Amino acid sequence: MIDYIFHFGNEVVLVKVDGANVTFGNTTYGAMMAPIDGLKLDKQGVIKEFPELAYAEDWREQAIKRFKWKIKDMTSEKEIGNYIIEDLKRYGYQPYLMQVQGFRPISLREKTQ
């Protein structure tokens, strides 16, 4: 199990990767964890990722299915975590900490010189 903590403005977002199960939480909702099915997805963000879903009535369900397929195709929790980090960075989320199996957190902040 690997936990990732991101900052987005004044919000703290937690992403928990446990095998192929990925759950999300943030401080706005009291850090309650929810699977991708329970998240509010931005249609413009989904269209940016999957342009062919722009006129689909079930765009949300299709985006969730594609995310789950992509996660299931990955071989390790670390690979899933790297994918999530890179994906969220594109939308302004800043990776802050990573904690593996409950051990001491590791800083993910980019070093500035």
PDB file of N, CA and C in Angstrom:
ATOM      1  N   MET A   1       0.847  -1.173   0.000  1.00  0.00           N
ATOM      2  CA  MET A   1       0.000   0.000   0.000  1.00  0.00           C
ATOM      3  C   MET A   1       0.897   1.241   0.000  1.00  0.00           C
ATOM      4  N   ILE A   2       0.572   2.159  -0.858  1.00  0.00           N
ATOM      5  CA  ILE A   2       1.307   3.418  -0.957  1.00  0.00           C
ATOM      6  C   ILE A   2       0.308   4.571  -0.880  1.00  0.00           C
ATOM      7  N   ASP A   3       0.596   5.527  -0.012  1.00  0.00           N
ATOM      8  CA  ASP A   3      -0.222   6.734   0.103  1.00  0.00           C
ATOM      9  C   ASP A   3       0.537   7.908  -0.507  1.00  0.00           C
ATOM     10  N   TYR A   4      -0.183   8.743  -1.243  1.00  0.00           N
ATOM     11  CA  TYR A   4       0.395   9.945  -1.840  1.00  0.00           C
ATOM     12  C   TYR A   4      -0.402  11.142  -1.345  1.00  0.00           C
ATOM     13  N   ILE A   5       0.306  12.205  -1.014  1.00  0.00           N
ATOM     14  CA  ILE A   5      -0.345  13.441  -0.590  1.00  0.00           C
ATOM     15  C   ILE A   5       0.031  14.534  -1.580  1.00  0.00           C
ATOM     16  N   PHE A   6      -0.996  15.231  -2.073  1.00  0.00           N
ATOM     17  CA  PHE A   6      -0.832  16.321  -3.037  1.00  0.00           C
ATOM     18  C   PHE A   6      -1.384  17.601  -2.435  1.00  0.00           C
ATOM     19  N   HIS A   7      -0.851  18.722  -2.867  1.00  0.00           N
ATOM     20  CA  HIS A   7      -1.411  20.030  -2.540  1.00  0.00           C
ATOM     21  C   HIS A   7      -2.023  20.610  -3.810  1.00  0.00           C
ATOM     22  N   PHE A   8      -3.216  21.173  -3.651  1.00  0.00           N
ATOM     23  CA  PHE A   8      -3.882  21.861  -4.757  1.00  0.00           C
ATOM     24  C   PHE A   8      -4.480  23.126  -4.175  1.00  0.00           C
ATOM     25  N   GLY A   9      -3.765  24.231  -4.336  1.00  0.00           N
ATOM     26  CA  GLY A   9      -4.180  25.469  -3.680  1.00  0.00           C
ATOM     27  C   GLY A   9      -4.048  25.284  -2.181  1.00  0.00           C
ATOM     28  N   ASN A  10      -5.121  25.534  -1.426  1.00  0.00           N
ATOM     29  CA  ASN A  10      -5.084  25.324   0.015  1.00  0.00           C
ATOM     30  C   ASN A  10      -5.699  23.981   0.411  1.00  0.00           C
ATOM     31  N   GLU A  11      -5.922  23.143  -0.547  1.00  0.00           N
ATOM     32  CA  GLU A  11      -6.523  21.828  -0.338  1.00  0.00           C
ATOM     33  C   GLU A  11      -5.435  20.752  -0.288  1.00  0.00           C
ATOM     34  N   VAL A  12      -5.641  19.755   0.550  1.00  0.00           N
ATOM     35  CA  VAL A  12      -4.742  18.611   0.627  1.00  0.00           C
ATOM     36  C   VAL A  12      -5.500  17.395   0.103  1.00  0.00           C
ATOM     37  N   VAL A  13      -4.897  16.703  -0.871  1.00  0.00           N
ATOM     38  CA  VAL A  13      -5.536  15.548  -1.507  1.00  0.00           C
ATOM     39  C   VAL A  13      -4.724  14.308  -1.189  1.00  0.00           C
ATOM     40  N   LEU A  14      -5.414  13.252  -0.760  1.00  0.00           N
ATOM     41  CA  LEU A  14      -4.779  11.976  -0.444  1.00  0.00           C
ATOM     42  C   LEU A  14      -5.198  10.948  -1.483  1.00  0.00           C
ATOM     43  N   VAL A  15      -4.211  10.230  -2.027  1.00  0.00           N
ATOM     44  CA  VAL A  15      -4.471   9.143  -2.974  1.00  0.00           C
ATOM     45  C   VAL A  15      -3.850   7.893  -2.377  1.00  0.00           C
ATOM     46  N   LYS A  16      -4.662   6.858  -2.203  1.00  0.00           N
ATOM     47  CA  LYS A  16      -4.204   5.604  -1.616  1.00  0.00           C
ATOM     48  C   LYS A  16      -4.236   4.521  -2.685  1.00  0.00           C
ATOM     49  N   VAL A  17      -3.080   3.883  -2.921  1.00  0.00           N
ATOM     50  CA  VAL A  17      -2.966   2.804  -3.903  1.00  0.00           C
ATOM     51  C   VAL A  17      -2.735   1.523  -3.120  1.00  0.00           C
ATOM     52  N   ASP A  18      -3.694   0.606  -3.202  1.00  0.00           N
ATOM     53  CA  ASP A  18      -3.596  -0.673  -2.510  1.00  0.00           C
ATOM     54  C   ASP A  18      -3.828  -1.767  -3.545  1.00  0.00           C
ATOM     55  N   GLY A  19      -2.745  -2.288  -4.110  1.00  0.00           N
ATOM     56  CA  GLY A  19      -2.867  -3.221  -5.228  1.00  0.00           C
ATOM     57  C   GLY A  19      -3.392  -2.463  -6.429  1.00  0.00           C
ATOM     58  N   ALA A  20      -4.501  -2.952  -7.001  1.00  0.00           N
ATOM     59  CA  ALA A  20      -5.120  -2.259  -8.132  1.00  0.00           C
ATOM     60  C   ALA A  20      -6.266  -1.356  -7.680  1.00  0.00           C
ATOM     61  N   ASN A  21      -6.471  -1.230  -6.365  1.00  0.00           N
ATOM     62  CA  ASN A  21      -7.512  -0.363  -5.831  1.00  0.00           C
ATOM     63  C   ASN A  21      -6.930   1.017  -5.557  1.00  0.00           C
ATOM     64  N   VAL A  22      -7.561   2.028  -6.121  1.00  0.00           N
ATOM     65  CA  VAL A  22      -7.121   3.404  -5.928  1.00  0.00           C
ATOM     66  C   VAL A  22      -8.292   4.179  -5.340  1.00  0.00           C
ATOM     67  N   THR A  23      -8.038   4.839  -4.192  1.00  0.00           N
ATOM     68  CA  THR A  23      -9.070   5.674  -3.583  1.00  0.00           C
ATOM     69  C   THR A  23      -8.524   7.078  -3.405  1.00  0.00           C
ATOM     70  N   PHE A  24      -9.431   8.041  -3.357  1.00  0.00           N
ATOM     71  CA  PHE A  24      -9.086   9.453  -3.301  1.00  0.00           C
ATOM     72  C   PHE A  24      -9.809  10.109  -2.140  1.00  0.00           C
ATOM     73  N   GLY A  25      -9.178  11.091  -1.528  1.00  0.00           N
ATOM     74  CA  GLY A  25      -9.808  11.864  -0.473  1.00  0.00           C
ATOM     75  C   GLY A  25      -9.205  13.253  -0.443  1.00  0.00           C
ATOM     76  N   ASN A  26      -9.921  14.199   0.170  1.00  0.00           N
ATOM     77  CA  ASN A  26      -9.346  15.539   0.328  1.00  0.00           C
ATOM     78  C   ASN A  26      -9.882  16.192   1.581  1.00  0.00           C
ATOM     79  N   THR A  27      -9.263  17.273   1.982  1.00  0.00           N
ATOM     80  CA  THR A  27      -9.627  17.933   3.228  1.00  0.00           C
ATOM     81  C   THR A  27     -10.975  18.634   3.149  1.00  0.00           C
ATOM     82  N   THR A  28     -11.436  18.926   1.961  1.00  0.00           N
ATOM     83  CA  THR A  28     -12.726  19.590   1.808  1.00  0.00           C
ATOM     84  C   THR A  28     -13.855  18.715   2.335  1.00  0.00           C
ATOM     85  N   TYR A  29     -13.757  17.421   2.133  1.00  0.00           N
ATOM     86  CA  TYR A  29     -14.804  16.496   2.552  1.00  0.00           C
ATOM     87  C   TYR A  29     -14.391  15.703   3.783  1.00  0.00           C
ATOM     88  N   GLY A  30     -13.518  16.233   4.614  1.00  0.00           N
ATOM     89  CA  GLY A  30     -13.127  15.579   5.842  1.00  0.00           C
ATOM     90  C   GLY A  30     -12.230  14.379   5.632  1.00  0.00           C
ATOM     91  N   ALA A  31     -11.497  14.339   4.525  1.00  0.00           N
ATOM     92  CA  ALA A  31     -10.559  13.256   4.191  1.00  0.00           C
ATOM     93  C   ALA A  31     -11.250  11.901   4.086  1.00  0.00           C
ATOM     94  N   MET A  32     -12.519  11.882   3.752  1.00  0.00           N
ATOM     95  CA  MET A  32     -13.213  10.615   3.495  1.00  0.00           C
ATOM     96  C   MET A  32     -12.704  10.071   2.172  1.00  0.00           C
ATOM     97  N   MET A  33     -12.389   8.794   2.144  1.00  0.00           N
ATOM     98  CA  MET A  33     -11.835   8.166   0.954  1.00  0.00           C
ATOM     99  C   MET A  33     -12.972   7.647   0.076  1.00  0.00           C
ATOM    100  N   ALA A  34     -12.803   7.803  -1.237  1.00  0.00           N
ATOM    101  CA  ALA A  34     -13.809   7.351  -2.196  1.00  0.00           C
ATOM    102  C   ALA A  34     -13.101   6.758  -3.407  1.00  0.00           C
ATOM    103  N   PRO A  35     -13.686   5.725  -4.007  1.00  0.00           N
ATOM    104  CA  PRO A  35     -13.118   5.207  -5.252  1.00  0.00           C
ATOM    105  C   PRO A  35     -13.391   6.183  -6.386  1.00  0.00           C
ATOM    106  N   ILE A  36     -12.796   5.936  -7.528  1.00  0.00           N
ATOM    107  CA  ILE A  36     -12.978   6.825  -8.687  1.00  0.00           C
ATOM    108  C   ILE A  36     -14.458   6.978  -9.033  1.00  0.00           C
ATOM    109  N   ASP A  37     -15.272   5.953  -8.766  1.00  0.00           N
ATOM    110  CA  ASP A  37     -16.709   6.023  -9.056  1.00  0.00           C
ATOM    111  C   ASP A  37     -17.398   7.147  -8.287  1.00  0.00           C
ATOM    112  N   GLY A  38     -16.890   7.462  -7.095  1.00  0.00           N
ATOM    113  CA  GLY A  38     -17.532   8.462  -6.257  1.00  0.00           C
ATOM    114  C   GLY A  38     -17.037   9.877  -6.468  1.00  0.00           C
ATOM    115  N   LEU A  39     -16.081  10.061  -7.354  1.00  0.00           N
ATOM    116  CA  LEU A  39     -15.524  11.397  -7.564  1.00  0.00           C
ATOM    117  C   LEU A  39     -16.347  12.214  -8.539  1.00  0.00           C
ATOM    118  N   LYS A  40     -16.323  13.513  -8.330  1.00  0.00           N
ATOM    119  CA  LYS A  40     -16.939  14.437  -9.278  1.00  0.00           C
ATOM    120  C   LYS A  40     -15.899  14.714 -10.361  1.00  0.00           C
ATOM    121  N   LEU A  41     -16.196  14.341 -11.586  1.00  0.00           N
ATOM    122  CA  LEU A  41     -15.266  14.543 -12.694  1.00  0.00           C
ATOM    123  C   LEU A  41     -15.644  15.794 -13.472  1.00  0.00           C
ATOM    124  N   ASP A  42     -14.657  16.522 -13.892  1.00  0.00           N
ATOM    125  CA  ASP A  42     -14.862  17.720 -14.704  1.00  0.00           C
ATOM    126  C   ASP A  42     -14.960  17.295 -16.170  1.00  0.00           C
ATOM    127  N   LYS A  43     -16.067  17.632 -16.813  1.00  0.00           N
ATOM    128  CA  LYS A  43     -16.260  17.213 -18.197  1.00  0.00           C
ATOM    129  C   LYS A  43     -15.174  17.763 -19.110  1.00  0.00           C
ATOM    130  N   GLN A  44     -14.752  19.003 -18.909  1.00  0.00           N
ATOM    131  CA  GLN A  44     -13.714  19.580 -19.762  1.00  0.00           C
ATOM    132  C   GLN A  44     -12.388  18.837 -19.594  1.00  0.00           C
ATOM    133  N   GLY A  45     -12.084  18.418 -18.365  1.00  0.00           N
ATOM    134  CA  GLY A  45     -10.869  17.642 -18.128  1.00  0.00           C
ATOM    135  C   GLY A  45     -10.937  16.280 -18.801  1.00  0.00           C
ATOM    136  N   VAL A  46     -12.114  15.654 -18.762  1.00  0.00           N
ATOM    137  CA  VAL A  46     -12.298  14.352 -19.412  1.00  0.00           C
ATOM    138  C   VAL A  46     -12.165  14.510 -20.921  1.00  0.00           C
ATOM    139  N   ILE A  47     -12.746  15.566 -21.480  1.00  0.00           N
ATOM    140  CA  ILE A  47     -12.668  15.798 -22.927  1.00  0.00           C
ATOM    141  C   ILE A  47     -11.222  16.081 -23.349  1.00  0.00           C
ATOM    142  N   LYS A  48     -10.469  16.771 -22.488  1.00  0.00           N
ATOM    143  CA  LYS A  48      -9.063  17.036 -22.793  1.00  0.00           C
ATOM    144  C   LYS A  48      -8.288  15.715 -22.895  1.00  0.00           C
ATOM    145  N   GLU A  49      -8.631  14.761 -22.025  1.00  0.00           N
ATOM    146  CA  GLU A  49      -7.961  13.456 -22.013  1.00  0.00           C
ATOM    147  C   GLU A  49      -8.499  12.531 -23.101  1.00  0.00           C
ATOM    148  N   PHE A  50      -9.821  12.549 -23.289  1.00  0.00           N
ATOM    149  CA  PHE A  50     -10.485  11.672 -24.255  1.00  0.00           C
ATOM    150  C   PHE A  50     -11.410  12.501 -25.148  1.00  0.00           C
ATOM    151  N   PRO A  51     -10.885  13.128 -26.202  1.00  0.00           N
ATOM    152  CA  PRO A  51     -11.697  14.018 -27.049  1.00  0.00           C
ATOM    153  C   PRO A  51     -12.910  13.329 -27.670  1.00  0.00           C
ATOM    154  N   GLU A  52     -12.822  12.033 -27.897  1.00  0.00           N
ATOM    155  CA  GLU A  52     -13.937  11.323 -28.529  1.00  0.00           C
ATOM    156  C   GLU A  52     -15.158  11.203 -27.616  1.00  0.00           C
ATOM    157  N   LEU A  53     -15.020  11.544 -26.345  1.00  0.00           N
ATOM    158  CA  LEU A  53     -16.155  11.477 -25.419  1.00  0.00           C
ATOM    159  C   LEU A  53     -16.919  12.802 -25.327  1.00  0.00           C
ATOM    160  N   ALA A  54     -16.551  13.776 -26.136  1.00  0.00           N
ATOM    161  CA  ALA A  54     -17.147  15.112 -26.052  1.00  0.00           C
ATOM    162  C   ALA A  54     -18.666  15.092 -26.224  1.00  0.00           C
ATOM    163  N   TYR A  55     -19.166  14.253 -27.099  1.00  0.00           N
ATOM    164  CA  TYR A  55     -20.608  14.242 -27.356  1.00  0.00           C
ATOM    165  C   TYR A  55     -21.285  12.981 -26.858  1.00  0.00           C
ATOM    166  N   ALA A  56     -20.567  12.181 -26.098  1.00  0.00           N
ATOM    167  CA  ALA A  56     -21.149  10.950 -25.548  1.00  0.00           C
ATOM    168  C   ALA A  56     -22.008  11.300 -24.332  1.00  0.00           C
ATOM    169  N   GLU A  57     -23.189  10.711 -24.264  1.00  0.00           N
ATOM    170  CA  GLU A  57     -24.066  10.965 -23.130  1.00  0.00           C
ATOM    171  C   GLU A  57     -23.525  10.320 -21.858  1.00  0.00           C
ATOM    172  N   ASP A  58     -22.830   9.202 -22.010  1.00  0.00           N
ATOM    173  CA  ASP A  58     -22.287   8.496 -20.853  1.00  0.00           C
ATOM    174  C   ASP A  58     -20.791   8.757 -20.692  1.00  0.00           C
ATOM    175  N   TRP A  59     -20.357   9.994 -20.932  1.00  0.00           N
ATOM    176  CA  TRP A  59     -18.936  10.351 -20.889  1.00  0.00           C
ATOM    177  C   TRP A  59     -18.306  10.017 -19.547  1.00  0.00           C
ATOM    178  N   ARG A  60     -19.034  10.247 -18.464  1.00  0.00           N
ATOM    179  CA  ARG A  60     -18.495   9.987 -17.127  1.00  0.00           C
ATOM    180  C   ARG A  60     -18.212   8.497 -16.924  1.00  0.00           C
ATOM    181  N   GLU A  61     -19.155   7.666 -17.247  1.00  0.00           N
ATOM    182  CA  GLU A  61     -18.993   6.222 -17.079  1.00  0.00           C
ATOM    183  C   GLU A  61     -17.862   5.690 -17.952  1.00  0.00           C
ATOM    184  N   GLN A  62     -17.775   6.196 -19.180  1.00  0.00           N
ATOM    185  CA  GLN A  62     -16.707   5.766 -20.086  1.00  0.00           C
ATOM    186  C   GLN A  62     -15.331   6.179 -19.556  1.00  0.00           C
ATOM    187  N   ALA A  63     -15.227   7.396 -19.014  1.00  0.00           N
ATOM    188  CA  ALA A  63     -13.949   7.867 -18.468  1.00  0.00           C
ATOM    189  C   ALA A  63     -13.534   7.009 -17.272  1.00  0.00           C
ATOM    190  N   ILE A  64     -14.477   6.662 -16.413  1.00  0.00           N
ATOM    191  CA  ILE A  64     -14.176   5.825 -15.248  1.00  0.00           C
ATOM    192  C   ILE A  64     -13.722   4.442 -15.693  1.00  0.00           C
ATOM    193  N   LYS A  65     -14.409   3.861 -16.677  1.00  0.00           N
ATOM    194  CA  LYS A  65     -14.009   2.542 -17.186  1.00  0.00           C
ATOM    195  C   LYS A  65     -12.599   2.576 -17.752  1.00  0.00           C
ATOM    196  N   ARG A  66     -12.267   3.622 -18.502  1.00  0.00           N
ATOM    197  CA  ARG A  66     -10.931   3.729 -19.096  1.00  0.00           C
ATOM    198  C   ARG A  66      -9.861   3.872 -18.024  1.00  0.00           C
ATOM    199  N   PHE A  67     -10.147   4.632 -16.980  1.00  0.00           N
ATOM    200  CA  PHE A  67      -9.198   4.776 -15.879  1.00  0.00           C
ATOM    201  C   PHE A  67      -8.954   3.416 -15.219  1.00  0.00           C
ATOM    202  N   LYS A  68     -10.038   2.693 -14.943  1.00  0.00           N
ATOM    203  CA  LYS A  68      -9.906   1.380 -14.294  1.00  0.00           C
ATOM    204  C   LYS A  68      -9.138   0.401 -15.176  1.00  0.00           C
ATOM    205  N   TRP A  69      -9.391   0.400 -16.470  1.00  0.00           N
ATOM    206  CA  TRP A  69      -8.660  -0.494 -17.385  1.00  0.00           C
ATOM    207  C   TRP A  69      -7.176  -0.164 -17.364  1.00  0.00           C
ATOM    208  N   LYS A  70      -6.874   1.126 -17.388  1.00  0.00           N
ATOM    209  CA  LYS A  70      -5.465   1.540 -17.398  1.00  0.00           C
ATOM    210  C   LYS A  70      -4.767   1.086 -16.118  1.00  0.00           C
ATOM    211  N   ILE A  71      -5.437   1.243 -14.982  1.00  0.00           N
ATOM    212  CA  ILE A  71      -4.864   0.832 -13.694  1.00  0.00           C
ATOM    213  C   ILE A  71      -4.653  -0.675 -13.657  1.00  0.00           C
ATOM    214  N   LYS A  72      -5.615  -1.444 -14.138  1.00  0.00           N
ATOM    215  CA  LYS A  72      -5.497  -2.907 -14.118  1.00  0.00           C
ATOM    216  C   LYS A  72      -4.383  -3.407 -15.018  1.00  0.00           C
ATOM    217  N   ASP A  73      -4.046  -2.657 -16.065  1.00  0.00           N
ATOM    218  CA  ASP A  73      -2.960  -3.049 -16.969  1.00  0.00           C
ATOM    219  C   ASP A  73      -1.580  -2.824 -16.364  1.00  0.00           C
ATOM    220  N   MET A  74      -1.510  -2.010 -15.317  1.00  0.00           N
ATOM    221  CA  MET A  74      -0.208  -1.719 -14.699  1.00  0.00           C
ATOM    222  C   MET A  74       0.186  -2.844 -13.757  1.00  0.00           C
ATOM    223  N   THR A  75       1.495  -3.047 -13.616  1.00  0.00           N
ATOM    224  CA  THR A  75       1.981  -4.233 -12.907  1.00  0.00           C
ATOM    225  C   THR A  75       2.306  -4.010 -11.432  1.00  0.00           C
ATOM    226  N   SER A  76       2.501  -2.758 -10.993  1.00  0.00           N
ATOM    227  CA  SER A  76       2.886  -2.538  -9.596  1.00  0.00           C
ATOM    228  C   SER A  76       2.234  -1.280  -9.048  1.00  0.00           C
ATOM    229  N   GLU A  77       2.196  -1.208  -7.721  1.00  0.00           N
ATOM    230  CA  GLU A  77       1.657  -0.023  -7.070  1.00  0.00           C
ATOM    231  C   GLU A  77       2.500   1.212  -7.399  1.00  0.00           C
ATOM    232  N   LYS A  78       3.806   1.016  -7.501  1.00  0.00           N
ATOM    233  CA  LYS A  78       4.717   2.129  -7.821  1.00  0.00           C
ATOM    234  C   LYS A  78       4.411   2.681  -9.221  1.00  0.00           C
ATOM    235  N   GLU A  79       4.152   1.790 -10.181  1.00  0.00           N
ATOM    236  CA  GLU A  79       3.813   2.223 -11.542  1.00  0.00           C
ATOM    237  C   GLU A  79       2.489   2.985 -11.547  1.00  0.00           C
ATOM    238  N   ILE A  80       1.512   2.495 -10.790  1.00  0.00           N
ATOM    239  CA  ILE A  80       0.226   3.183 -10.685  1.00  0.00           C
ATOM    240  C   ILE A  80       0.431   4.561 -10.065  1.00  0.00           C
ATOM    241  N   GLY A  81       1.238   4.625  -9.001  1.00  0.00           N
ATOM    242  CA  GLY A  81       1.516   5.896  -8.337  1.00  0.00           C
ATOM    243  C   GLY A  81       2.187   6.895  -9.257  1.00  0.00           C
ATOM    244  N   ASN A  82       3.170   6.440 -10.031  1.00  0.00           N
ATOM    245  CA  ASN A  82       3.852   7.333 -10.974  1.00  0.00           C
ATOM    246  C   ASN A  82       2.882   7.869 -12.020  1.00  0.00           C
ATOM    247  N   TYR A  83       1.977   7.011 -12.504  1.00  0.00           N
ATOM    248  CA  TYR A  83       0.962   7.447 -13.472  1.00  0.00           C
ATOM    249  C   TYR A  83       0.067   8.527 -12.853  1.00  0.00           C
ATOM    250  N   ILE A  84      -0.378   8.304 -11.619  1.00  0.00           N
ATOM    251  CA  ILE A  84      -1.268   9.262 -10.963  1.00  0.00           C
ATOM    252  C   ILE A  84      -0.541  10.580 -10.708  1.00  0.00           C
ATOM    253  N   ILE A  85       0.725  10.510 -10.282  1.00  0.00           N
ATOM    254  CA  ILE A  85       1.500  11.728 -10.049  1.00  0.00           C
ATOM    255  C   ILE A  85       1.603  12.544 -11.333  1.00  0.00           C
ATOM    256  N   GLU A  86       2.000  11.898 -12.416  1.00  0.00           N
ATOM    257  CA  GLU A  86       2.156  12.614 -13.690  1.00  0.00           C
ATOM    258  C   GLU A  86       0.829  13.163 -14.188  1.00  0.00           C
ATOM    259  N   ASP A  87      -0.249  12.405 -14.010  1.00  0.00           N
ATOM    260  CA  ASP A  87      -1.562  12.843 -14.471  1.00  0.00           C
ATOM    261  C   ASP A  87      -2.045  14.047 -13.663  1.00  0.00           C
ATOM    262  N   LEU A  88      -1.929  13.992 -12.347  1.00  0.00           N
ATOM    263  CA  LEU A  88      -2.412  15.091 -11.520  1.00  0.00           C
ATOM    264  C   LEU A  88      -1.546  16.341 -11.645  1.00  0.00           C
ATOM    265  N   LYS A  89      -0.252  16.169 -11.898  1.00  0.00           N
ATOM    266  CA  LYS A  89       0.626  17.333 -12.088  1.00  0.00           C
ATOM    267  C   LYS A  89       0.171  18.173 -13.272  1.00  0.00           C
ATOM    268  N   ARG A  90      -0.382  17.525 -14.302  1.00  0.00           N
ATOM    269  CA  ARG A  90      -0.856  18.271 -15.480  1.00  0.00           C
ATOM    270  C   ARG A  90      -1.990  19.213 -15.132  1.00  0.00           C
ATOM    271  N   TYR A  91      -2.721  18.905 -14.058  1.00  0.00           N
ATOM    272  CA  TYR A  91      -3.875  19.722 -13.679  1.00  0.00           C
ATOM    273  C   TYR A  91      -3.576  20.633 -12.492  1.00  0.00           C
ATOM    274  N   GLY A  92      -2.302  20.785 -12.139  1.00  0.00           N
ATOM    275  CA  GLY A  92      -1.918  21.733 -11.103  1.00  0.00           C
ATOM    276  C   GLY A  92      -1.745  21.157  -9.710  1.00  0.00           C
ATOM    277  N   TYR A  93      -1.920  19.860  -9.531  1.00  0.00           N
ATOM    278  CA  TYR A  93      -1.698  19.241  -8.233  1.00  0.00           C
ATOM    279  C   TYR A  93      -0.197  19.073  -8.023  1.00  0.00           C
ATOM    280  N   GLN A  94       0.284  19.461  -6.844  1.00  0.00           N
ATOM    281  CA  GLN A  94       1.703  19.366  -6.527  1.00  0.00           C
ATOM    282  C   GLN A  94       1.943  18.161  -5.622  1.00  0.00           C
ATOM    283  N   PRO A  95       2.733  17.171  -6.064  1.00  0.00           N
ATOM    284  CA  PRO A  95       3.035  16.032  -5.196  1.00  0.00           C
ATOM    285  C   PRO A  95       3.840  16.503  -3.980  1.00  0.00           C
ATOM    286  N   TYR A  96       3.464  16.024  -2.806  1.00  0.00           N
ATOM    287  CA  TYR A  96       4.091  16.487  -1.576  1.00  0.00           C
ATOM    288  C   TYR A  96       4.789  15.354  -0.828  1.00  0.00           C
ATOM    289  N   LEU A  97       4.059  14.281  -0.499  1.00  0.00           N
ATOM    290  CA  LEU A  97       4.628  13.170   0.251  1.00  0.00           C
ATOM    291  C   LEU A  97       4.190  11.824  -0.316  1.00  0.00           C
ATOM    292  N   MET A  98       5.024  10.805  -0.065  1.00  0.00           N
ATOM    293  CA  MET A  98       4.684   9.422  -0.404  1.00  0.00           C
ATOM    294  C   MET A  98       5.020   8.591   0.828  1.00  0.00           C
ATOM    295  N   GLN A  99       4.106   7.701   1.199  1.00  0.00           N
ATOM    296  CA  GLN A  99       4.334   6.832   2.345  1.00  0.00           C
ATOM    297  C   GLN A  99       4.071   5.393   1.912  1.00  0.00           C
ATOM    298  N   VAL A 100       5.092   4.541   2.033  1.00  0.00           N
ATOM    299  CA  VAL A 100       4.989   3.148   1.594  1.00  0.00           C
ATOM    300  C   VAL A 100       4.800   2.255   2.805  1.00  0.00           C
ATOM    301  N   GLN A 101       3.723   1.480   2.813  1.00  0.00           N
ATOM    302  CA  GLN A 101       3.436   0.492   3.859  1.00  0.00           C
ATOM    303  C   GLN A 101       3.497   1.077   5.266  1.00  0.00           C
ATOM    304  N   GLY A 102       3.127   2.334   5.437  1.00  0.00           N
ATOM    305  CA  GLY A 102       3.092   2.952   6.752  1.00  0.00           C
ATOM    306  C   GLY A 102       4.440   3.397   7.290  1.00  0.00           C
ATOM    307  N   PHE A 103       5.509   3.243   6.530  1.00  0.00           N
ATOM    308  CA  PHE A 103       6.824   3.693   6.974  1.00  0.00           C
ATOM    309  C   PHE A 103       6.923   5.214   6.888  1.00  0.00           C
ATOM    310  N   ARG A 104       8.055   5.734   7.225  1.00  0.00           N
ATOM    311  CA  ARG A 104       8.276   7.170   7.242  1.00  0.00           C
ATOM    312  C   ARG A 104       7.971   7.778   5.867  1.00  0.00           C
ATOM    313  N   PRO A 105       7.237   8.892   5.843  1.00  0.00           N
ATOM    314  CA  PRO A 105       6.932   9.546   4.559  1.00  0.00           C
ATOM    315  C   PRO A 105       8.191  10.058   3.857  1.00  0.00           C
ATOM    316  N   ILE A 106       8.142  10.032   2.539  1.00  0.00           N
ATOM    317  CA  ILE A 106       9.227  10.511   1.696  1.00  0.00           C
ATOM    318  C   ILE A 106       8.737  11.753   0.965  1.00  0.00           C
ATOM    319  N   SER A 107       9.518  12.804   0.980  1.00  0.00           N
ATOM    320  CA  SER A 107       9.139  14.051   0.326  1.00  0.00           C
ATOM    321  C   SER A 107       9.185  13.888  -1.190  1.00  0.00           C
ATOM    322  N   LEU A 108       8.171  14.382  -1.868  1.00  0.00           N
ATOM    323  CA  LEU A 108       8.120  14.375  -3.323  1.00  0.00           C
ATOM    324  C   LEU A 108       8.254  15.781  -3.898  1.00  0.00           C
ATOM    325  N   ARG A 109       8.464  16.751  -3.035  1.00  0.00           N
ATOM    326  CA  ARG A 109       8.606  18.140  -3.506  1.00  0.00           C
ATOM    327  C   ARG A 109       9.845  18.244  -4.385  1.00  0.00           C
ATOM    328  N   GLU A 110       9.687  18.960  -5.484  1.00  0.00           N
ATOM    329  CA  GLU A 110      10.813  19.163  -6.391  1.00  0.00           C
ATOM    330  C   GLU A 110      11.806  20.114  -5.752  1.00  0.00           C
ATOM    331  N   LYS A 111      13.039  19.761  -5.872  1.00  0.00           N
ATOM    332  CA  LYS A 111      14.119  20.570  -5.302  1.00  0.00           C
ATOM    333  C   LYS A 111      14.334  21.810  -6.169  1.00  0.00           C
ATOM    334  N   THR A 112      14.372  22.976  -5.540  1.00  0.00           N
ATOM    335  CA  THR A 112      14.655  24.209  -6.277  1.00  0.00           C
ATOM    336  C   THR A 112      16.035  24.699  -5.883  1.00  0.00           C
ATOM    337  N   GLN A 113      16.751  25.237  -6.836  1.00  0.00           N
ATOM    338  CA  GLN A 113      18.107  25.709  -6.555  1.00  0.00           C
ATOM    339  C   GLN A 113      18.212  27.183  -6.734  1.00  0.00           C
TER     340      GLN A 113
END
